Protein backbone atom coordinates (compact mmCIF):
# COMPACT_ATOMS: atom_id res chain seq x y z
CA MET A 1 -53.42 -58.21 22.36
CA ARG A 2 -51.62 -55.26 23.82
CA ARG A 3 -47.88 -55.41 23.32
CA PRO A 4 -45.97 -55.44 26.64
CA ILE A 5 -43.81 -52.44 27.40
CA ASN A 6 -40.10 -53.15 27.53
CA LYS A 7 -38.99 -51.13 30.54
CA ILE A 8 -35.31 -51.62 29.81
CA SER A 9 -35.65 -50.29 26.23
CA THR A 10 -37.71 -47.35 27.42
CA LEU A 11 -35.12 -46.44 30.02
CA THR A 12 -32.33 -46.74 27.46
CA ASP A 13 -34.24 -44.58 24.98
CA ARG A 14 -34.78 -41.93 27.60
CA ARG A 15 -31.10 -41.87 28.47
CA GLN A 16 -30.15 -41.57 24.78
CA ALA A 17 -32.67 -38.78 24.34
CA LEU A 18 -31.25 -36.94 27.36
CA ARG A 19 -27.71 -37.34 26.02
CA GLN A 20 -28.78 -36.00 22.61
CA LEU A 21 -30.47 -33.03 24.24
CA ALA A 22 -27.34 -32.36 26.30
CA CYS A 23 -25.15 -32.52 23.18
CA LEU A 24 -27.52 -30.25 21.30
CA ALA A 25 -27.47 -27.77 24.18
CA LEU A 26 -23.68 -27.87 24.22
CA ILE A 27 -23.49 -27.27 20.48
CA VAL A 28 -25.93 -24.37 20.66
CA THR A 29 -24.12 -22.89 23.66
CA THR A 30 -20.72 -23.27 22.03
CA SER A 31 -21.93 -21.82 18.73
CA CYS A 32 -23.60 -18.90 20.44
CA GLY A 33 -20.53 -18.37 22.59
CA THR A 34 -18.26 -18.39 19.53
CA LEU A 35 -20.57 -15.97 17.75
CA ALA A 36 -20.67 -13.73 20.79
CA ILE A 37 -16.89 -13.78 21.04
CA ALA A 38 -16.57 -12.93 17.33
CA GLN A 39 -19.10 -10.14 17.59
CA ASP A 40 -17.56 -8.90 20.82
CA GLY A 41 -14.09 -9.01 19.30
CA ALA A 42 -15.17 -6.63 16.55
CA GLY A 43 -17.41 -4.64 18.83
CA THR A 44 -14.78 -3.89 21.47
CA TYR A 45 -11.90 -3.54 19.02
CA PRO A 46 -9.60 -1.84 19.69
CA SER A 47 -9.20 -2.39 23.41
CA LYS A 48 -5.46 -1.71 23.55
CA ALA A 49 -2.70 0.05 21.63
CA ILE A 50 -2.37 -0.56 17.88
CA ARG A 51 1.05 -0.80 16.22
CA ILE A 52 1.50 0.44 12.66
CA ILE A 53 4.71 -0.81 11.06
CA ILE A 54 6.33 1.33 8.36
CA PRO A 55 8.86 -0.70 6.33
CA PHE A 56 10.77 2.45 5.35
CA ALA A 57 12.89 5.06 7.11
CA ALA A 58 11.18 7.98 8.85
CA GLY A 59 10.16 10.98 6.77
CA GLY A 60 8.84 9.26 3.67
CA ALA A 61 5.28 9.30 2.35
CA SER A 62 4.21 6.11 4.18
CA ASP A 63 5.61 7.43 7.44
CA VAL A 64 3.99 10.87 7.13
CA LEU A 65 0.56 9.49 6.22
CA ALA A 66 0.65 6.77 8.88
CA ARG A 67 1.32 9.33 11.60
CA ILE A 68 -1.49 11.59 10.40
CA LEU A 69 -3.91 8.66 10.22
CA GLY A 70 -2.71 7.22 13.52
CA LYS A 71 -3.44 10.47 15.33
CA ARG A 72 -6.99 10.55 13.96
CA LEU A 73 -7.61 6.88 14.79
CA THR A 74 -6.46 7.60 18.34
CA ASP A 75 -8.89 10.51 18.54
CA ALA A 76 -11.73 8.38 17.15
CA TRP A 77 -11.18 5.24 19.25
CA GLY A 78 -9.41 6.51 22.36
CA GLN A 79 -6.61 3.97 22.03
CA PRO A 80 -2.99 4.88 21.25
CA VAL A 81 -1.69 4.16 17.75
CA VAL A 82 2.09 3.69 17.77
CA VAL A 83 4.04 4.06 14.51
CA GLU A 84 7.28 2.08 14.23
CA ASN A 85 9.80 2.24 11.38
CA LYS A 86 11.31 -1.09 10.32
CA PRO A 87 13.22 -0.30 7.09
CA GLY A 88 15.25 -2.69 4.98
CA GLY A 89 15.05 -5.35 2.30
CA ASN A 90 13.11 -3.17 -0.16
CA ALA A 91 10.29 -2.88 2.43
CA GLN A 92 10.17 -6.64 2.91
CA ILE A 93 11.63 -6.81 6.44
CA GLY A 94 8.82 -4.79 7.99
CA ALA A 95 6.17 -6.33 5.74
CA ALA A 96 7.24 -9.88 6.62
CA MET A 97 7.16 -8.99 10.31
CA VAL A 98 3.51 -7.92 10.02
CA ALA A 99 2.61 -10.94 7.87
CA LYS A 100 3.90 -13.26 10.61
CA SER A 101 2.39 -11.35 13.55
CA GLU A 102 -0.71 -12.25 15.55
CA PRO A 103 -3.77 -11.73 13.28
CA ASP A 104 -5.77 -9.75 15.83
CA GLY A 105 -5.81 -6.29 14.27
CA TYR A 106 -3.23 -4.86 16.65
CA THR A 107 -0.23 -5.05 14.29
CA LEU A 108 -0.81 -3.38 10.93
CA LEU A 109 1.29 -2.33 7.95
CA VAL A 110 1.21 1.00 6.13
CA VAL A 111 3.22 0.70 2.95
CA ASP A 112 3.66 1.96 -0.58
CA MET A 113 1.53 -0.64 -2.35
CA SER A 114 4.26 -1.25 -4.90
CA ALA A 115 5.82 -3.50 -2.24
CA ILE A 116 2.73 -5.70 -2.59
CA THR A 117 1.96 -5.42 -6.31
CA MET A 118 5.46 -5.18 -7.82
CA THR A 119 7.99 -6.81 -5.50
CA PRO A 120 6.75 -10.42 -5.88
CA SER A 121 7.64 -10.24 -9.59
CA LEU A 122 11.05 -8.76 -8.78
CA MET A 123 12.22 -10.92 -5.88
CA THR A 124 12.05 -14.70 -5.81
CA ASN A 125 13.54 -15.18 -2.34
CA LEU A 126 10.81 -13.58 -0.23
CA THR A 127 10.21 -15.18 3.16
CA TYR A 128 6.47 -14.67 2.82
CA SER A 129 3.85 -14.10 0.11
CA PRO A 130 2.59 -10.49 0.02
CA GLN A 131 -0.75 -11.50 -1.50
CA LYS A 132 -1.30 -14.70 0.49
CA ASP A 133 0.01 -13.66 3.91
CA LEU A 134 -1.31 -10.09 3.98
CA THR A 135 -4.85 -8.86 3.37
CA PRO A 136 -5.78 -5.33 2.23
CA VAL A 137 -7.52 -3.05 4.71
CA SER A 138 -7.65 0.31 2.96
CA ILE A 139 -5.95 2.59 0.47
CA ILE A 140 -5.09 5.77 2.34
CA ALA A 141 -3.98 8.12 -0.42
CA TYR A 142 -2.58 8.45 -3.93
CA SER A 143 0.25 10.80 -4.79
CA PRO A 144 1.21 10.86 -8.47
CA HIS A 145 4.80 10.64 -9.56
CA ILE A 146 6.32 13.78 -10.96
CA PHE A 147 9.12 13.70 -13.51
CA VAL A 148 11.99 15.92 -12.38
CA VAL A 149 15.37 16.71 -13.88
CA ALA A 150 18.57 18.37 -12.69
CA ASN A 151 18.79 22.08 -13.36
CA LYS A 152 21.92 21.45 -15.46
CA LEU A 153 19.89 19.73 -18.20
CA PRO A 154 18.95 22.06 -21.09
CA VAL A 155 15.29 20.96 -21.22
CA LYS A 156 12.03 22.47 -20.02
CA THR A 157 9.42 19.98 -21.29
CA LEU A 158 9.06 16.21 -21.42
CA ASP A 159 9.25 16.23 -25.23
CA GLU A 160 12.52 18.18 -25.05
CA LEU A 161 13.86 15.68 -22.52
CA LEU A 162 12.98 12.69 -24.73
CA ALA A 163 14.58 14.33 -27.76
CA TYR A 164 17.65 15.34 -25.76
CA SER A 165 18.17 11.83 -24.38
CA LYS A 166 18.24 10.38 -27.89
CA THR A 167 21.08 12.69 -28.90
CA GLN A 168 23.34 11.69 -26.02
CA SER A 169 26.10 9.10 -26.32
CA ALA A 170 25.18 7.61 -22.93
CA PRO A 171 21.80 7.03 -21.26
CA LEU A 172 20.54 9.54 -18.71
CA ASN A 173 21.39 8.68 -15.13
CA PHE A 174 18.03 7.93 -13.54
CA GLY A 175 18.18 7.72 -9.74
CA VAL A 176 15.69 5.42 -7.97
CA PRO A 177 15.28 3.14 -4.97
CA LEU A 178 15.72 -0.15 -6.82
CA GLY A 179 12.58 -2.25 -6.95
CA ALA A 180 10.33 0.57 -5.77
CA ALA A 181 7.55 2.25 -7.76
CA PRO A 182 9.82 4.97 -9.25
CA HIS A 183 12.12 2.26 -10.63
CA LEU A 184 9.22 0.56 -12.39
CA ALA A 185 7.95 3.95 -13.61
CA GLY A 186 11.34 4.40 -15.27
CA ALA A 187 11.11 0.93 -16.82
CA LEU A 188 7.65 1.79 -18.16
CA LEU A 189 9.05 5.03 -19.60
CA GLU A 190 11.71 3.06 -21.46
CA GLN A 191 9.12 0.66 -22.87
CA LYS A 192 6.71 3.36 -24.00
CA THR A 193 9.26 5.77 -25.53
CA GLY A 194 12.21 3.65 -26.60
CA ILE A 195 14.75 5.72 -24.66
CA LYS A 196 17.38 4.08 -22.49
CA LEU A 197 18.05 4.96 -18.87
CA ASN A 198 20.98 4.14 -16.62
CA PHE A 199 19.33 3.23 -13.32
CA ILE A 200 21.33 4.37 -10.31
CA GLY A 201 20.19 2.54 -7.17
CA TYR A 202 19.57 4.24 -3.82
CA LYS A 203 18.30 3.04 -0.44
CA GLY A 204 15.61 5.70 -0.29
CA GLY A 205 13.98 8.59 -2.11
CA ALA A 206 15.53 11.27 0.14
CA GLN A 207 19.03 10.39 -1.07
CA VAL A 208 17.83 10.54 -4.68
CA MET A 209 16.50 14.08 -4.13
CA THR A 210 19.79 15.21 -2.58
CA ASP A 211 21.88 13.92 -5.48
CA LEU A 212 19.47 15.29 -8.09
CA ALA A 213 19.70 18.72 -6.48
CA GLY A 214 23.48 18.42 -6.55
CA GLY A 215 23.56 17.36 -10.20
CA GLN A 216 25.06 13.91 -9.52
CA ILE A 217 22.18 12.31 -11.44
CA ASP A 218 20.09 13.59 -14.34
CA ALA A 219 16.49 12.70 -13.58
CA THR A 220 14.02 10.70 -11.53
CA MET A 221 10.35 10.11 -10.91
CA ASN A 222 9.08 10.27 -7.36
CA SER A 223 5.87 10.99 -5.48
CA TYR A 224 4.58 14.55 -5.53
CA LEU A 225 4.25 14.46 -1.75
CA ALA A 226 7.95 13.79 -1.21
CA THR A 227 9.34 15.77 -4.16
CA TYR A 228 7.39 18.94 -4.89
CA PRO A 229 8.73 21.00 -1.93
CA MET A 230 12.20 20.84 -3.49
CA VAL A 231 10.78 21.76 -6.90
CA ARG A 232 9.18 24.82 -5.32
CA SER A 233 12.53 25.71 -3.73
CA GLY A 234 14.25 25.56 -7.12
CA ASN A 235 16.47 22.56 -6.36
CA PHE A 236 15.52 20.91 -9.65
CA ARG A 237 12.98 21.23 -12.48
CA MET A 238 9.61 19.49 -12.89
CA LEU A 239 8.57 18.49 -16.42
CA ALA A 240 5.34 16.50 -15.99
CA VAL A 241 3.03 14.75 -13.56
CA ALA A 242 1.97 11.10 -13.96
CA SER A 243 -1.64 11.47 -12.75
CA PRO A 244 -4.55 10.39 -15.03
CA GLN A 245 -5.69 14.04 -15.40
CA ARG A 246 -4.14 17.36 -14.54
CA PHE A 247 -3.32 17.31 -10.84
CA THR A 248 -5.29 19.87 -8.82
CA PRO A 249 -2.35 21.35 -6.84
CA ILE A 250 -0.37 21.98 -10.06
CA PRO A 251 -3.02 22.50 -12.79
CA ASP A 252 -0.57 24.11 -15.23
CA THR A 253 1.73 21.10 -15.26
CA PRO A 254 1.07 18.72 -18.18
CA THR A 255 0.53 15.04 -17.49
CA MET A 256 2.84 12.33 -18.74
CA ALA A 257 -0.17 10.85 -20.56
CA GLU A 258 -0.53 14.00 -22.68
CA HIS A 259 2.82 13.08 -24.24
CA ILE A 260 2.82 9.30 -23.69
CA PRO A 261 -0.71 7.81 -23.93
CA GLY A 262 -1.65 5.56 -21.02
CA PHE A 263 1.28 6.56 -18.82
CA VAL A 264 -0.05 6.76 -15.25
CA THR A 265 2.07 5.97 -12.20
CA GLY A 266 2.27 7.06 -8.61
CA SER A 267 2.52 6.18 -4.98
CA PHE A 268 -0.49 4.41 -3.48
CA GLN A 269 -0.17 4.26 0.28
CA GLY A 270 -2.22 1.45 1.79
CA MET A 271 -2.85 -0.44 5.02
CA MET A 272 -2.49 -4.22 5.25
CA ALA A 273 -3.08 -6.77 8.01
CA PRO A 274 -2.13 -10.43 8.52
CA THR A 275 -4.37 -12.62 6.37
CA ALA A 276 -6.11 -14.44 9.22
CA THR A 277 -7.31 -11.20 10.82
CA PRO A 278 -11.09 -11.52 11.40
CA PRO A 279 -13.10 -9.95 8.55
CA ALA A 280 -15.16 -7.99 11.09
CA ILE A 281 -12.01 -6.21 12.28
CA ILE A 282 -10.85 -5.58 8.70
CA ASP A 283 -14.26 -4.07 7.90
CA LYS A 284 -14.25 -1.94 11.05
CA LEU A 285 -10.82 -0.53 10.21
CA ASN A 286 -11.85 0.12 6.60
CA VAL A 287 -15.05 1.91 7.60
CA GLU A 288 -13.29 4.10 10.18
CA ILE A 289 -10.40 4.98 7.85
CA ASN A 290 -12.77 5.88 5.00
CA LYS A 291 -14.80 7.98 7.43
CA ILE A 292 -11.62 9.86 8.37
CA LEU A 293 -10.62 10.29 4.71
CA ARG A 294 -14.01 11.88 3.93
CA GLN A 295 -13.56 14.58 6.55
CA PRO A 296 -13.06 17.97 4.83
CA ASP A 297 -10.09 18.94 7.01
CA MET A 298 -8.42 15.58 6.31
CA ARG A 299 -8.92 16.02 2.56
CA LYS A 300 -7.41 19.48 2.82
CA GLN A 301 -4.46 18.14 4.80
CA LEU A 302 -3.86 15.48 2.15
CA ALA A 303 -4.21 18.05 -0.65
CA ASP A 304 -1.65 20.27 1.07
CA LEU A 305 0.70 17.29 1.01
CA GLY A 306 -0.05 16.59 -2.65
CA SER A 307 -2.14 13.48 -2.08
CA GLU A 308 -5.72 12.47 -2.76
CA ALA A 309 -7.87 10.18 -0.65
CA VAL A 310 -8.88 6.86 -2.23
CA ASP A 311 -12.09 5.24 -0.98
CA LYS A 312 -12.20 1.46 -1.60
CA SER A 313 -13.83 -1.44 0.21
CA PRO A 314 -11.63 -4.43 1.17
CA ALA A 315 -13.19 -6.45 -1.69
CA ASP A 316 -12.51 -3.68 -4.23
CA LEU A 317 -8.99 -3.35 -2.91
CA ARG A 318 -8.27 -7.06 -3.26
CA LYS A 319 -9.28 -6.88 -6.93
CA TRP A 320 -7.17 -3.75 -7.41
CA VAL A 321 -4.13 -5.47 -5.89
CA SER A 322 -4.64 -8.46 -8.20
CA ASP A 323 -5.04 -6.29 -11.33
CA GLU A 324 -2.03 -4.10 -10.48
CA SER A 325 0.11 -7.16 -9.80
CA VAL A 326 -0.67 -8.55 -13.25
CA TYR A 327 -0.01 -5.19 -14.96
CA TRP A 328 3.34 -4.54 -13.29
CA GLY A 329 4.34 -8.17 -13.59
CA LYS A 330 4.15 -7.74 -17.37
CA VAL A 331 6.15 -4.48 -17.24
CA ILE A 332 8.83 -6.25 -15.21
CA LYS A 333 8.93 -9.24 -17.56
CA ASP A 334 8.92 -7.16 -20.76
CA GLY A 335 11.65 -4.90 -19.41
CA ASN A 336 13.68 -7.80 -18.01
CA VAL A 337 13.90 -5.84 -14.77
CA ARG A 338 16.01 -7.59 -12.14
CA LEU A 339 17.21 -6.91 -8.62
CA ASP A 340 20.70 -8.39 -8.72
């Protein structure tokens, strides 16, 4: 016997099927639309002006490199790149501002990476987390520290300086921006050689250079980019460079590591973005910046400034930031370095 057809059930089933199809269509449309928006966001980026925040005063290494890079990004993308200086708080005022900004790729940070890898171990009252609230985009350049001393000191080599310091009744006055990379380079020098330094705090490297030239302090370490012009002018004396190998612009200058094994420090200038910035935009920035850094005239411009381009992917850079943070965290702990 043929089973009778239940017209009501059939009608209900059809309606349910139509609703399911409508929902499926909506899901597909929404998903495709979201994908299209994501792809379009990266594809059309940038469609307006980009702001690069420098958390230091004008004239320093971060500022100089950001303006050079900004000009080339403008040329490449046809959108203005505006550099703004927001100094203060050991670079944390400007960095926090970027960390809390809209994560759309239009507000970026160019900073000495010591503010990301060292400062969290030095300051416990930060209003943001450098590693959680900011994501690495690219390393722009590396400029090694050079060890320089006042002309009044009777030393011409690093070995002579170390021997001289041990004969003095008081530690050498070592001028640094407190909490910055040169400060930690000095702490590392103490740990590796056993000498003692009297750290004199400054707001910025330019003031350190002025007082070193005037003989108010005895020594410092600072980036080649910011320091070598005054060495060349005879304002103070250079003893060594803290690069892994002899530094190309000054091949006759011995490295710190030739006297103190494993001693390598310097200024890594990098770009960061708010953490929630779409990965596609981070990748697009990284690719374009690395493309610029590979250009022969850009490499020459960096070399003239005493810097070297560093080519890293965002993933490589995240690992580098993590490794450097661990390394310098130990230096800070072992040296009981504090920012009081």
